[in-house]
Every structure is written in structure tokens, then in C-alpha cells.
Amino acid sequence: MYRQNPYTKIKENAINTATPEDLTLMLYDGALKFANRAAIAIEKKNYTDANMYIQKTKDIIREFQITLNMDYEISTQLYEAYEYMHYRLTQANIKKDLEILNEVIDHIRLFRDTWKEAMKIARASR
């Protein structure tokens, strides 16, 4: 008989009850997690796993791009930044280049930390 991991249910509940802001933070965290796992895989020369994790990271970055509200001026700049990260992830994957991947990890971390700070400010002003 199959028994579901209790942590899976907790994770599902967290996602189902999260605000859009929290979901965005979760996506940034997921992108960082996958990119870091890709870096470890490249270090271990496990290129199959590296490819899988880079693709997952790219999927999240693309999701950020396609869900941007282009009614705001900053959205164009964000779109271009996400496009750059997506391109660099492709280059990192083709070359299995840890330096390129670490560059993208730094960008994702900056975006995540900025988003987290913006959430704090928005919540404090309510």
C-alpha cells in the first residue's frame, strides 16, 4: 500500500494557501534550489542531472517572464533581465560552465532578496 509522505501534504497546503507574493518568493527559492543542484551536478560531472536542473531553473525564469504585467515600465526591464538569465542558463548548460551558472545564481539571489525586502515593506505599510 502506498503511503504519502506527510511533508508532501504540508507542502501542498502551503502552496494552495499562499498569497501571490508568497508564491513568487517560492518560485525564486525553487530556481535557486535547482540552479544550486545543477552546480553540484556539474562539479560531479553528472551532466544528465545538470541538464535536468538547469532546465527546471529555465522553466521558472520563463514563467516569471510570461506572467509579467507589461502595463508597468519596470516590466520591460525585468523581461530583459529574465531573458538574459535564460540565455546564460542555456550557455551554462551547453558548456557545462560553472562560472556562467554561478553568475545566474547571483542574479536570482539578488532578485529573490529584493522581492523578499519588497514584501516586508509592503506588509509593514498595510
C-alpha atoms as a PDB file:
ATOM      1  CA  MET A   1       0.000   0.000   0.000  1.00  0.00           C
ATOM      2  CA  TYR A   2       1.300   3.447  -0.958  1.00  0.00           C
ATOM      3  CA  ARG A   3       1.653   5.893   1.877  1.00  0.00           C
ATOM      4  CA  GLN A   4       2.040   9.580   1.079  1.00  0.00           C
ATOM      5  CA  ASN A   5       4.914  11.441   2.672  1.00  0.00           C
ATOM      6  CA  PRO A   6       3.374  13.788   5.291  1.00  0.00           C
ATOM      7  CA  TYR A   7       5.721  16.577   4.212  1.00  0.00           C
ATOM      8  CA  THR A   8       4.232  16.441   0.716  1.00  0.00           C
ATOM      9  CA  LYS A   9       0.811  17.280   2.135  1.00  0.00           C
ATOM     10  CA  ILE A  10       2.250  20.173   4.161  1.00  0.00           C
ATOM     11  CA  LYS A  11       3.991  21.499   1.059  1.00  0.00           C
ATOM     12  CA  GLU A  12       0.783  21.231  -0.994  1.00  0.00           C
ATOM     13  CA  ASN A  13      -1.158  23.105   1.699  1.00  0.00           C
ATOM     14  CA  ALA A  14       1.483  25.839   1.817  1.00  0.00           C
ATOM     15  CA  ILE A  15       1.238  26.312  -1.941  1.00  0.00           C
ATOM     16  CA  ASN A  16      -2.569  26.213  -2.015  1.00  0.00           C
ATOM     17  CA  THR A  17      -2.912  28.806   0.741  1.00  0.00           C
ATOM     18  CA  ALA A  18      -0.050  31.118  -0.271  1.00  0.00           C
ATOM     19  CA  THR A  19      -0.573  34.663  -1.473  1.00  0.00           C
ATOM     20  CA  PRO A  20       0.638  35.538  -4.985  1.00  0.00           C
ATOM     21  CA  GLU A  21       3.584  37.338  -3.354  1.00  0.00           C
ATOM     22  CA  ASP A  22       4.498  34.238  -1.366  1.00  0.00           C
ATOM     23  CA  LEU A  23       4.200  32.072  -4.474  1.00  0.00           C
ATOM     24  CA  THR A  24       6.639  34.358  -6.281  1.00  0.00           C
ATOM     25  CA  LEU A  25       9.084  34.003  -3.388  1.00  0.00           C
ATOM     26  CA  MET A  26       8.654  30.216  -3.506  1.00  0.00           C
ATOM     27  CA  LEU A  27       9.467  30.275  -7.222  1.00  0.00           C
ATOM     28  CA  TYR A  28      12.637  32.282  -6.609  1.00  0.00           C
ATOM     29  CA  ASP A  29      13.611  29.808  -3.900  1.00  0.00           C
ATOM     30  CA  GLY A  30      12.899  26.924  -6.269  1.00  0.00           C
ATOM     31  CA  ALA A  31      15.002  28.492  -9.015  1.00  0.00           C
ATOM     32  CA  LEU A  32      17.884  28.886  -6.555  1.00  0.00           C
ATOM     33  CA  LYS A  33      17.488  25.312  -5.339  1.00  0.00           C
ATOM     34  CA  PHE A  34      17.544  23.874  -8.862  1.00  0.00           C
ATOM     35  CA  ALA A  35      20.421  26.095 -10.012  1.00  0.00           C
ATOM     36  CA  ASN A  36      22.481  25.102  -6.976  1.00  0.00           C
ATOM     37  CA  ARG A  37      21.758  21.437  -7.617  1.00  0.00           C
ATOM     38  CA  ALA A  38      22.848  21.946 -11.230  1.00  0.00           C
ATOM     39  CA  ALA A  39      26.106  23.454  -9.984  1.00  0.00           C
ATOM     40  CA  ILE A  40      26.740  20.439  -7.761  1.00  0.00           C
ATOM     41  CA  ALA A  41      25.950  18.111 -10.663  1.00  0.00           C
ATOM     42  CA  ILE A  42      28.401  19.949 -12.930  1.00  0.00           C
ATOM     43  CA  GLU A  43      31.100  19.701 -10.245  1.00  0.00           C
ATOM     44  CA  LYS A  44      30.462  15.946 -10.082  1.00  0.00           C
ATOM     45  CA  LYS A  45      30.423  15.739 -13.900  1.00  0.00           C
ATOM     46  CA  ASN A  46      26.887  14.371 -13.743  1.00  0.00           C
ATOM     47  CA  TYR A  47      25.756  16.150 -16.877  1.00  0.00           C
ATOM     48  CA  THR A  48      22.383  14.432 -17.098  1.00  0.00           C
ATOM     49  CA  ASP A  49      21.330  15.816 -13.724  1.00  0.00           C
ATOM     50  CA  ALA A  50      22.940  19.184 -14.516  1.00  0.00           C
ATOM     51  CA  ASN A  51      20.816  19.434 -17.650  1.00  0.00           C
ATOM     52  CA  MET A  52      17.649  18.468 -15.783  1.00  0.00           C
ATOM     53  CA  TYR A  53      18.189  21.058 -13.037  1.00  0.00           C
ATOM     54  CA  ILE A  54      19.164  23.804 -15.461  1.00  0.00           C
ATOM     55  CA  GLN A  55      16.017  23.096 -17.480  1.00  0.00           C
ATOM     56  CA  LYS A  56      13.912  23.363 -14.312  1.00  0.00           C
ATOM     57  CA  THR A  57      15.592  26.678 -13.495  1.00  0.00           C
ATOM     58  CA  LYS A  58      14.943  27.918 -17.034  1.00  0.00           C
ATOM     59  CA  ASP A  59      11.275  26.927 -16.725  1.00  0.00           C
ATOM     60  CA  ILE A  60      10.891  29.088 -13.628  1.00  0.00           C
ATOM     61  CA  ILE A  61      12.668  32.030 -15.246  1.00  0.00           C
ATOM     62  CA  ARG A  62      10.419  31.702 -18.298  1.00  0.00           C
ATOM     63  CA  GLU A  63       7.367  31.621 -16.007  1.00  0.00           C
ATOM     64  CA  PHE A  64       8.485  34.927 -14.498  1.00  0.00           C
ATOM     65  CA  GLN A  65       8.757  36.362 -17.999  1.00  0.00           C
ATOM     66  CA  ILE A  66       5.384  35.272 -19.304  1.00  0.00           C
ATOM     67  CA  THR A  67       3.496  36.376 -16.199  1.00  0.00           C
ATOM     68  CA  LEU A  68       4.877  39.920 -16.137  1.00  0.00           C
ATOM     69  CA  ASN A  69       2.258  42.653 -16.251  1.00  0.00           C
ATOM     70  CA  MET A  70       3.613  44.749 -19.109  1.00  0.00           C
ATOM     71  CA  ASP A  71       1.442  47.748 -18.084  1.00  0.00           C
ATOM     72  CA  TYR A  72       4.312  48.874 -15.867  1.00  0.00           C
ATOM     73  CA  GLU A  73       7.517  50.464 -17.149  1.00  0.00           C
ATOM     74  CA  ILE A  74       9.735  48.267 -14.980  1.00  0.00           C
ATOM     75  CA  SER A  75       8.287  45.134 -16.579  1.00  0.00           C
ATOM     76  CA  THR A  76      10.262  45.735 -19.766  1.00  0.00           C
ATOM     77  CA  GLN A  77      13.470  45.863 -17.766  1.00  0.00           C
ATOM     78  CA  LEU A  78      12.526  42.765 -15.807  1.00  0.00           C
ATOM     79  CA  TYR A  79      11.668  40.958 -19.037  1.00  0.00           C
ATOM     80  CA  GLU A  80      15.101  41.754 -20.435  1.00  0.00           C
ATOM     81  CA  ALA A  81      16.819  40.652 -17.218  1.00  0.00           C
ATOM     82  CA  TYR A  82      14.923  37.349 -17.254  1.00  0.00           C
ATOM     83  CA  GLU A  83      15.754  36.921 -20.944  1.00  0.00           C
ATOM     84  CA  TYR A  84      19.432  37.422 -20.146  1.00  0.00           C
ATOM     85  CA  MET A  85      19.307  34.862 -17.327  1.00  0.00           C
ATOM     86  CA  HIS A  86      17.529  32.391 -19.594  1.00  0.00           C
ATOM     87  CA  TYR A  87      20.187  32.879 -22.286  1.00  0.00           C
ATOM     88  CA  ARG A  88      23.023  32.477 -19.780  1.00  0.00           C
ATOM     89  CA  LEU A  89      21.431  29.309 -18.390  1.00  0.00           C
ATOM     90  CA  THR A  90      21.360  27.922 -21.921  1.00  0.00           C
ATOM     91  CA  GLN A  91      25.051  28.792 -22.313  1.00  0.00           C
ATOM     92  CA  ALA A  92      25.884  27.228 -18.943  1.00  0.00           C
ATOM     93  CA  ASN A  93      24.041  24.082 -19.984  1.00  0.00           C
ATOM     94  CA  ILE A  94      25.699  23.799 -23.387  1.00  0.00           C
ATOM     95  CA  LYS A  95      29.177  24.404 -21.997  1.00  0.00           C
ATOM     96  CA  LYS A  96      28.550  22.873 -18.567  1.00  0.00           C
ATOM     97  CA  ASP A  97      30.161  26.063 -17.314  1.00  0.00           C
ATOM     98  CA  LEU A  98      30.070  26.574 -13.563  1.00  0.00           C
ATOM     99  CA  GLU A  99      31.185  30.215 -13.796  1.00  0.00           C
ATOM    100  CA  ILE A 100      28.210  31.142 -16.004  1.00  0.00           C
ATOM    101  CA  LEU A 101      25.846  29.201 -13.776  1.00  0.00           C
ATOM    102  CA  ASN A 102      27.165  30.951 -10.667  1.00  0.00           C
ATOM    103  CA  GLU A 103      26.599  34.309 -12.374  1.00  0.00           C
ATOM    104  CA  VAL A 104      22.940  33.407 -12.874  1.00  0.00           C
ATOM    105  CA  ILE A 105      22.660  32.110  -9.313  1.00  0.00           C
ATOM    106  CA  ASP A 106      23.890  35.507  -8.098  1.00  0.00           C
ATOM    107  CA  HIS A 107      21.247  37.275 -10.226  1.00  0.00           C
ATOM    108  CA  ILE A 108      18.453  35.009  -9.000  1.00  0.00           C
ATOM    109  CA  ARG A 109      19.560  35.513  -5.389  1.00  0.00           C
ATOM    110  CA  LEU A 110      19.551  39.291  -5.864  1.00  0.00           C
ATOM    111  CA  PHE A 111      16.043  39.186  -7.368  1.00  0.00           C
ATOM    112  CA  ARG A 112      14.833  36.894  -4.559  1.00  0.00           C
ATOM    113  CA  ASP A 113      16.330  39.076  -1.829  1.00  0.00           C
ATOM    114  CA  THR A 114      14.893  42.225  -3.419  1.00  0.00           C
ATOM    115  CA  TRP A 115      11.469  40.588  -3.684  1.00  0.00           C
ATOM    116  CA  LYS A 116      11.650  39.473  -0.058  1.00  0.00           C
ATOM    117  CA  GLU A 117      12.517  43.008   1.076  1.00  0.00           C
ATOM    118  CA  ALA A 118       9.703  44.484  -1.033  1.00  0.00           C
ATOM    119  CA  MET A 119       7.273  42.061   0.609  1.00  0.00           C
ATOM    120  CA  LYS A 120       8.413  43.215   4.077  1.00  0.00           C
ATOM    121  CA  ILE A 121       7.968  46.866   3.142  1.00  0.00           C
ATOM    122  CA  ALA A 122       4.540  46.259   1.593  1.00  0.00           C
ATOM    123  CA  ARG A 123       3.340  44.303   4.622  1.00  0.00           C
ATOM    124  CA  ALA A 124       4.662  46.920   7.045  1.00  0.00           C
ATOM    125  CA  SER A 125       2.789  49.690   5.197  1.00  0.00           C
ATOM    126  CA  ARG A 126      -0.576  47.901   5.401  1.00  0.00           C
END
